[in-house]
C-alpha atoms as a PDB file:
ATOM      1  CA  MET A   1     168.175 156.007  59.533  1.00  0.00           C
ATOM      2  CA  SER A   2     168.621 156.527  63.235  1.00  0.00           C
ATOM      3  CA  LYS A   3     171.848 156.468  65.231  1.00  0.00           C
ATOM      4  CA  PHE A   4     172.304 154.210  68.236  1.00  0.00           C
ATOM      5  CA  PRO A   5     175.138 153.124  70.547  1.00  0.00           C
ATOM      6  CA  PHE A   6     176.801 149.992  69.236  1.00  0.00           C
ATOM      7  CA  ALA A   7     179.494 147.720  70.648  1.00  0.00           C
ATOM      8  CA  GLN A   8     180.605 144.746  68.531  1.00  0.00           C
ATOM      9  CA  SER A   9     181.715 142.699  71.498  1.00  0.00           C
ATOM     10  CA  GLY A  10     179.006 140.669  73.122  1.00  0.00           C
ATOM     11  CA  ASN A  11     176.966 137.581  72.649  1.00  0.00           C
ATOM     12  CA  SER A  12     176.715 136.725  68.939  1.00  0.00           C
ATOM     13  CA  ALA A  13     174.211 133.983  69.817  1.00  0.00           C
ATOM     14  CA  GLU A  14     171.608 136.623  70.742  1.00  0.00           C
ATOM     15  CA  VAL A  15     172.094 138.393  67.401  1.00  0.00           C
ATOM     16  CA  LEU A  16     171.833 135.098  65.500  1.00  0.00           C
ATOM     17  CA  ASP A  17     168.660 134.222  67.424  1.00  0.00           C
ATOM     18  CA  ARG A  18     167.148 137.585  66.411  1.00  0.00           C
ATOM     19  CA  ILE A  19     168.063 136.824  62.774  1.00  0.00           C
ATOM     20  CA  ILE A  20     166.171 133.518  63.062  1.00  0.00           C
ATOM     21  CA  ASP A  21     163.233 135.437  64.554  1.00  0.00           C
ATOM     22  CA  ALA A  22     163.313 138.075  61.790  1.00  0.00           C
ATOM     23  CA  TYR A  23     163.127 135.434  59.055  1.00  0.00           C
ATOM     24  CA  GLY A  24     160.527 133.440  60.958  1.00  0.00           C
ATOM     25  CA  PHE A  25     162.589 130.260  60.827  1.00  0.00           C
ATOM     26  CA  GLY A  26     161.850 127.497  63.295  1.00  0.00           C
ATOM     27  CA  SER A  27     165.402 126.190  63.615  1.00  0.00           C
ATOM     28  CA  LYS A  28     169.091 126.999  63.304  1.00  0.00           C
ATOM     29  CA  LEU A  29     169.282 124.475  60.459  1.00  0.00           C
ATOM     30  CA  ALA A  30     166.810 126.562  58.420  1.00  0.00           C
ATOM     31  CA  LEU A  31     169.025 129.618  58.978  1.00  0.00           C
ATOM     32  CA  ALA A  32     172.126 127.687  57.855  1.00  0.00           C
ATOM     33  CA  ASP A  33     170.289 126.504  54.727  1.00  0.00           C
ATOM     34  CA  HIS A  34     169.168 130.044  53.911  1.00  0.00           C
ATOM     35  CA  PHE A  35     172.728 131.377  54.120  1.00  0.00           C
ATOM     36  CA  LYS A  36     174.043 128.316  52.251  1.00  0.00           C
ATOM     37  CA  MET A  37     176.443 127.342  55.018  1.00  0.00           C
ATOM     38  CA  ALA A  38     177.115 124.082  56.779  1.00  0.00           C
ATOM     39  CA  SER A  39     175.387 123.670  60.124  1.00  0.00           C
ATOM     40  CA  SER A  40     178.834 123.242  61.705  1.00  0.00           C
ATOM     41  CA  SER A  41     179.838 126.699  60.378  1.00  0.00           C
ATOM     42  CA  LEU A  42     176.749 128.245  61.953  1.00  0.00           C
ATOM     43  CA  SER A  43     177.485 126.381  65.174  1.00  0.00           C
ATOM     44  CA  GLY A  44     180.968 127.942  65.144  1.00  0.00           C
ATOM     45  CA  ARG A  45     179.451 131.408  64.758  1.00  0.00           C
ATOM     46  CA  TYR A  46     177.280 130.725  67.813  1.00  0.00           C
ATOM     47  CA  ARG A  47     180.320 129.719  69.881  1.00  0.00           C
ATOM     48  CA  ARG A  48     182.565 132.623  68.817  1.00  0.00           C
ATOM     49  CA  ASP A  49     181.669 136.081  70.024  1.00  0.00           C
ATOM     50  CA  ASN A  50     182.260 137.753  66.664  1.00  0.00           C
ATOM     51  CA  PHE A  51     179.488 140.026  65.424  1.00  0.00           C
ATOM     52  CA  PRO A  52     177.877 138.379  62.332  1.00  0.00           C
ATOM     53  CA  ALA A  53     177.852 141.596  60.271  1.00  0.00           C
ATOM     54  CA  ASP A  54     177.421 139.848  56.909  1.00  0.00           C
ATOM     55  CA  MET A  55     174.315 138.019  58.102  1.00  0.00           C
ATOM     56  CA  VAL A  56     172.900 141.125  59.808  1.00  0.00           C
ATOM     57  CA  VAL A  57     173.206 143.233  56.644  1.00  0.00           C
ATOM     58  CA  GLN A  58     171.633 140.540  54.460  1.00  0.00           C
ATOM     59  CA  CYS A  59     168.807 140.009  56.966  1.00  0.00           C
ATOM     60  CA  CYS A  60     168.063 143.756  57.110  1.00  0.00           C
ATOM     61  CA  ALA A  61     167.958 143.923  53.311  1.00  0.00           C
ATOM     62  CA  GLU A  62     165.738 140.858  52.909  1.00  0.00           C
ATOM     63  CA  THR A  63     163.275 141.334  55.775  1.00  0.00           C
ATOM     64  CA  GLY A  64     163.152 145.092  56.397  1.00  0.00           C
ATOM     65  CA  VAL A  65     163.815 144.503  60.086  1.00  0.00           C
ATOM     66  CA  SER A  66     165.316 147.404  62.066  1.00  0.00           C
ATOM     67  CA  LEU A  67     169.128 147.374  62.220  1.00  0.00           C
ATOM     68  CA  GLU A  68     169.041 148.660  65.805  1.00  0.00           C
ATOM     69  CA  TRP A  69     166.760 145.847  66.942  1.00  0.00           C
ATOM     70  CA  LEU A  70     168.724 143.201  65.069  1.00  0.00           C
ATOM     71  CA  ALA A  71     172.141 144.366  66.309  1.00  0.00           C
ATOM     72  CA  THR A  72     171.277 145.301  69.895  1.00  0.00           C
ATOM     73  CA  GLY A  73     167.824 143.931  70.719  1.00  0.00           C
ATOM     74  CA  GLN A  74     166.653 147.476  71.536  1.00  0.00           C
ATOM     75  CA  GLY A  75     163.933 149.504  69.819  1.00  0.00           C
ATOM     76  CA  LYS A  76     161.162 148.306  67.534  1.00  0.00           C
ATOM     77  CA  LYS A  77     161.540 145.218  65.399  1.00  0.00           C
ATOM     78  CA  PHE A  78     160.318 147.182  62.368  1.00  0.00           C
ATOM     79  CA  ASP A  79     160.789 150.953  62.061  1.00  0.00           C
ATOM     80  CA  ASP A  80     157.317 151.465  60.597  1.00  0.00           C
ATOM     81  CA  GLU A  81     155.677 149.062  63.045  1.00  0.00           C
ATOM     82  CA  GLN A  82     152.253 150.235  64.154  1.00  0.00           C
ATOM     83  CA  LEU A  83     150.323 148.871  67.073  1.00  0.00           C
ATOM     84  CA  ASP A  84     146.998 147.269  66.325  1.00  0.00           C
ATOM     85  CA  ILE A  85     145.477 148.915  69.374  1.00  0.00           C
ATOM     86  CA  MET A  86     142.430 151.161  69.337  1.00  0.00           C
ATOM     87  CA  LYS A  87     141.830 153.752  72.056  1.00  0.00           C
ATOM     88  CA  PHE A  88     138.306 155.051  72.476  1.00  0.00           C
ATOM     89  CA  PRO A  89     136.007 156.583  75.126  1.00  0.00           C
ATOM     90  CA  LYS A  90     134.368 154.491  77.824  1.00  0.00           C
ATOM     91  CA  LYS A  91     131.039 155.367  79.400  1.00  0.00           C
ATOM     92  CA  LYS A  92     129.149 153.862  82.320  1.00  0.00           C
ATOM     93  CA  LEU A  93     125.421 153.345  82.022  1.00  0.00           C
ATOM     94  CA  VAL A  94     123.825 153.947  85.432  1.00  0.00           C
ATOM     95  CA  ASP A  95     120.062 154.325  85.912  1.00  0.00           C
ATOM     96  CA  GLY A  96     119.562 155.186  82.249  1.00  0.00           C
ATOM     97  CA  GLN A  97     122.251 157.892  82.185  1.00  0.00           C
ATOM     98  CA  LEU A  98     125.648 157.759  80.452  1.00  0.00           C
ATOM     99  CA  TYR A  99     128.674 158.971  82.426  1.00  0.00           C
ATOM    100  CA  ASN A 100     132.199 159.462  81.092  1.00  0.00           C
ATOM    101  CA  SER A 101     134.553 156.850  82.508  1.00  0.00           C
ATOM    102  CA  GLY A 102     137.903 157.421  80.796  1.00  0.00           C
ATOM    103  CA  PHE A 103     139.195 155.418  77.863  1.00  0.00           C
ATOM    104  CA  VAL A 104     139.731 151.782  76.911  1.00  0.00           C
ATOM    105  CA  MET A 105     142.528 150.217  74.881  1.00  0.00           C
ATOM    106  CA  PHE A 106     141.338 147.421  72.640  1.00  0.00           C
ATOM    107  CA  ASP A 107     143.303 145.130  70.331  1.00  0.00           C
ATOM    108  CA  LYS A 108     141.865 145.032  66.802  1.00  0.00           C
ATOM    109  CA  VAL A 109     142.418 141.273  66.639  1.00  0.00           C
ATOM    110  CA  PHE A 110     139.347 140.755  68.854  1.00  0.00           C
ATOM    111  CA  PHE A 111     137.020 142.043  66.140  1.00  0.00           C
ATOM    112  CA  LYS A 112     135.602 139.445  63.765  1.00  0.00           C
ATOM    113  CA  ALA A 113     137.846 138.984  60.725  1.00  0.00           C
ATOM    114  CA  GLY A 114     136.345 140.247  57.490  1.00  0.00           C
ATOM    115  CA  ASN A 115     134.074 142.789  59.170  1.00  0.00           C
ATOM    116  CA  PRO A 116     134.987 146.475  59.062  1.00  0.00           C
ATOM    117  CA  LEU A 117     136.296 147.988  62.284  1.00  0.00           C
ATOM    118  CA  PRO A 118     133.971 150.445  64.032  1.00  0.00           C
ATOM    119  CA  SER A 119     134.665 153.926  62.674  1.00  0.00           C
ATOM    120  CA  ASP A 120     133.380 155.847  65.727  1.00  0.00           C
ATOM    121  CA  PRO A 121     133.666 153.372  68.625  1.00  0.00           C
ATOM    122  CA  ILE A 122     132.755 153.774  72.276  1.00  0.00           C
ATOM    123  CA  CYS A 123     132.629 151.290  75.141  1.00  0.00           C
ATOM    124  CA  VAL A 124     129.535 151.274  77.328  1.00  0.00           C
ATOM    125  CA  GLN A 125     129.505 149.370  80.609  1.00  0.00           C
ATOM    126  CA  ASP A 126     126.400 148.448  82.564  1.00  0.00           C
ATOM    127  CA  GLU A 127     125.913 146.025  85.468  1.00  0.00           C
ATOM    128  CA  LYS A 128     125.811 143.008  83.114  1.00  0.00           C
ATOM    129  CA  ALA A 129     128.455 143.562  80.445  1.00  0.00           C
ATOM    130  CA  GLN A 130     130.643 145.887  78.435  1.00  0.00           C
ATOM    131  CA  TYR A 131     129.497 146.732  74.927  1.00  0.00           C
ATOM    132  CA  ILE A 132     131.642 147.984  72.073  1.00  0.00           C
ATOM    133  CA  LEU A 133     129.463 150.229  69.923  1.00  0.00           C
ATOM    134  CA  ASP A 134     129.859 152.009  66.623  1.00  0.00           C
ATOM    135  CA  GLN A 135     128.196 155.431  66.732  1.00  0.00           C
ATOM    136  CA  LYS A 136     128.486 155.785  62.952  1.00  0.00           C
ATOM    137  CA  PHE A 137     125.963 153.769  60.947  1.00  0.00           C
ATOM    138  CA  ALA A 138     124.124 154.260  57.670  1.00  0.00           C
ATOM    139  CA  GLU A 139     120.946 152.400  58.496  1.00  0.00           C
ATOM    140  CA  VAL A 140     119.172 150.771  61.416  1.00  0.00           C
ATOM    141  CA  PHE A 141     118.758 147.017  61.080  1.00  0.00           C
ATOM    142  CA  ASP A 142     117.905 144.102  63.357  1.00  0.00           C
ATOM    143  CA  GLY A 143     120.277 143.719  66.288  1.00  0.00           C
ATOM    144  CA  GLU A 144     121.356 145.244  69.587  1.00  0.00           C
ATOM    145  CA  TRP A 145     121.579 149.026  69.840  1.00  0.00           C
ATOM    146  CA  LEU A 146     122.154 151.689  72.470  1.00  0.00           C
ATOM    147  CA  ILE A 147     119.070 153.881  72.373  1.00  0.00           C
ATOM    148  CA  ASN A 148     117.561 156.747  74.323  1.00  0.00           C
ATOM    149  CA  VAL A 149     113.831 156.621  75.049  1.00  0.00           C
ATOM    150  CA  GLU A 150     112.376 159.661  76.811  1.00  0.00           C
ATOM    151  CA  GLY A 151     115.708 160.612  78.390  1.00  0.00           C
ATOM    152  CA  LYS A 152     116.714 157.088  79.500  1.00  0.00           C
ATOM    153  CA  SER A 153     119.465 155.189  77.695  1.00  0.00           C
ATOM    154  CA  SER A 154     119.663 151.404  77.489  1.00  0.00           C
ATOM    155  CA  ILE A 155     120.893 148.542  75.347  1.00  0.00           C
ATOM    156  CA  ARG A 156     117.891 147.170  73.480  1.00  0.00           C
ATOM    157  CA  THR A 157     117.132 144.733  70.675  1.00  0.00           C
ATOM    158  CA  LEU A 158     115.630 146.478  67.654  1.00  0.00           C
ATOM    159  CA  THR A 159     113.668 144.628  64.974  1.00  0.00           C
ATOM    160  CA  ARG A 160     112.673 146.504  61.821  1.00  0.00           C
ATOM    161  CA  ILE A 161     109.007 146.332  60.880  1.00  0.00           C
ATOM    162  CA  PRO A 162     107.331 147.875  57.822  1.00  0.00           C
ATOM    163  CA  VAL A 163     106.988 151.589  57.208  1.00  0.00           C
ATOM    164  CA  LYS A 164     109.975 152.977  59.159  1.00  0.00           C
ATOM    165  CA  LYS A 165     109.080 151.396  62.459  1.00  0.00           C
ATOM    166  CA  VAL A 166     110.930 149.191  64.935  1.00  0.00           C
ATOM    167  CA  ARG A 167     110.014 146.743  67.662  1.00  0.00           C
ATOM    168  CA  VAL A 168     112.011 147.598  70.795  1.00  0.00           C
ATOM    169  CA  SER A 169     112.621 144.692  73.177  1.00  0.00           C
ATOM    170  CA  GLY A 170     115.173 143.378  75.640  1.00  0.00           C
ATOM    171  CA  VAL A 171     114.359 145.232  78.871  1.00  0.00           C
ATOM    172  CA  GLY A 172     110.835 145.405  80.235  1.00  0.00           C
ATOM    173  CA  MET A 173     107.886 145.205  77.902  1.00  0.00           C
ATOM    174  CA  ALA A 174     108.426 145.224  74.127  1.00  0.00           C
ATOM    175  CA  PHE A 175     106.803 148.024  72.137  1.00  0.00           C
ATOM    176  CA  ASP A 176     106.565 149.258  68.556  1.00  0.00           C
ATOM    177  CA  CYS A 177     107.380 152.827  67.550  1.00  0.00           C
ATOM    178  CA  GLY A 178     108.582 154.941  64.667  1.00  0.00           C
ATOM    179  CA  LEU A 179     112.330 155.362  64.154  1.00  0.00           C
ATOM    180  CA  GLU A 180     111.901 159.083  64.763  1.00  0.00           C
ATOM    181  CA  ASP A 181     110.386 158.416  68.219  1.00  0.00           C
ATOM    182  CA  ILE A 182     113.664 157.133  69.696  1.00  0.00           C
ATOM    183  CA  GLU A 183     117.237 158.395  69.639  1.00  0.00           C
ATOM    184  CA  ILE A 184     119.614 155.745  68.331  1.00  0.00           C
ATOM    185  CA  ILE A 185     123.100 156.304  69.765  1.00  0.00           C
ATOM    186  CA  GLY A 186     125.064 153.341  68.430  1.00  0.00           C
ATOM    187  CA  ARG A 187     125.076 149.775  67.169  1.00  0.00           C
ATOM    188  CA  VAL A 188     126.505 147.022  69.394  1.00  0.00           C
ATOM    189  CA  VAL A 189     129.361 145.320  67.527  1.00  0.00           C
ATOM    190  CA  MET A 190     130.674 143.268  70.454  1.00  0.00           C
ATOM    191  CA  THR A 191     129.506 142.235  73.909  1.00  0.00           C
ATOM    192  CA  ILE A 192     131.962 141.305  76.660  1.00  0.00           C
ATOM    193  CA  THR A 193     130.475 139.524  79.653  1.00  0.00           C
ATOM    194  CA  ASN A 194     132.033 138.307  82.885  1.00  0.00           C
ATOM    195  CA  ALA A 195     131.723 134.582  83.462  1.00  0.00           C
END
């Protein structure tokens, strides 16, 4: 448990509001019901500036919320709270060449629920859109992919055809080739376009 500066004097209403937030209640009445107290008693606690230690301790025990956050409003709400943010490399695709362009931060909530997150993601930006790709894949299947054909990279649509071949389309003329004739860099898992 961490140490933090604490002064009991202050606005008890802010602490009580954080208790409501920690439980996820929508009203003060729900908080009063949970603590089995009359709504007038809770109203009195809001008006007096006495630190509601009994409620803070019970809330910490029942919700796992951080004591520092609950008592002072500082720090993380939960000690073991992890951000759902991914950081991965960004590349710009210019004239068929990939250039490093820093990193992007991406919230995991934008990925389709139920689908696994990309295990080796990169972001590739061209003049039309930004593509989130997964460079780790077990098999090539129909869809959009970042490929390299004779030293030029591009986002293309691949369609599997019999005997380890693919139809490459999307930019210029479509053509058929063997999987070994092209370098497959990554599978497009998301496309972000500007309106």
